Amino acid sequence: MKEKIFYFMIHAVPMDNNPEKEECVGAFINCWVKGSTYLTALNKAKKHIQYMTPNSSLLI
């Protein structure tokens, strides 16, 4: 199956155990991801974001 480019805007918020939770309200993360399906691309995006921001929870 040919891969497509998907766009996601994901809201990341600090987890309860994040020591900076009171200082941060979160962030919107925009990303373009290549995948064969929407769900494949979304899972790639979530894995990468969680790796880069381990103290954040994602709202999708």
Protein backbone atom coordinates (compact mmCIF):
# COMPACT_ATOMS: atom_id res chain seq x y z
CA MET A 1 0.00 0.00 0.00
CA LYS A 2 1.32 3.44 -0.91
CA GLU A 3 2.13 5.70 2.04
CA LYS A 4 0.49 9.09 2.43
CA ILE A 5 1.36 12.14 4.49
CA PHE A 6 -1.01 12.84 7.41
CA TYR A 7 -1.22 16.02 9.48
CA PHE A 8 -1.96 15.93 13.21
CA MET A 9 -2.36 18.62 15.85
CA ILE A 10 -1.92 16.93 19.22
CA HIS A 11 -2.40 18.61 22.60
CA ALA A 12 0.19 17.62 25.20
CA VAL A 13 -0.35 18.48 28.87
CA PRO A 14 1.94 17.91 31.86
CA MET A 15 1.31 14.70 33.79
CA ASP A 16 0.44 14.91 37.49
CA ASN A 17 3.91 13.70 38.49
CA ASN A 18 5.66 16.43 36.47
CA PRO A 19 7.42 18.79 38.92
CA GLU A 20 6.76 21.74 36.57
CA LYS A 21 3.02 21.01 36.23
CA GLU A 22 1.97 24.27 37.92
CA GLU A 23 4.17 26.33 35.60
CA CYS A 24 3.12 24.71 32.31
CA VAL A 25 -0.31 24.47 30.76
CA GLY A 26 0.71 22.32 27.82
CA ALA A 27 1.45 22.68 24.15
CA PHE A 28 -0.04 21.98 20.75
CA ILE A 29 2.25 19.78 18.69
CA ASN A 30 1.83 19.93 14.93
CA CYS A 31 3.30 17.12 12.89
CA TRP A 32 3.24 15.63 9.43
CA VAL A 33 3.74 11.88 9.40
CA LYS A 34 4.07 9.35 6.59
CA GLY A 35 2.02 6.18 6.96
CA SER A 36 0.01 3.66 5.01
CA THR A 37 -3.12 4.46 7.04
CA TYR A 38 -4.36 7.20 9.34
CA LEU A 39 -3.97 4.96 12.41
CA THR A 40 -0.46 3.84 11.45
CA ALA A 41 0.63 7.46 11.07
CA LEU A 42 -1.09 8.51 14.32
CA ASN A 43 0.65 5.72 16.25
CA LYS A 44 4.02 6.79 14.82
CA ALA A 45 3.36 10.39 15.88
CA LYS A 46 2.27 9.38 19.40
CA LYS A 47 5.31 7.14 19.93
CA HIS A 48 7.72 9.84 18.82
CA ILE A 49 6.06 12.57 20.91
CA GLN A 50 5.93 10.37 24.02
CA TYR A 51 9.63 9.57 23.55
CA MET A 52 10.48 13.28 23.28
CA THR A 53 8.15 14.43 26.11
CA PRO A 54 8.01 11.61 28.69
CA ASN A 55 6.42 13.83 31.38
CA SER A 56 3.46 14.80 29.22
CA SER A 57 0.10 13.22 28.57
CA LEU A 58 -1.35 13.41 25.04
CA LEU A 59 -4.91 14.48 24.30
CA ILE A 60 -5.99 13.24 20.89
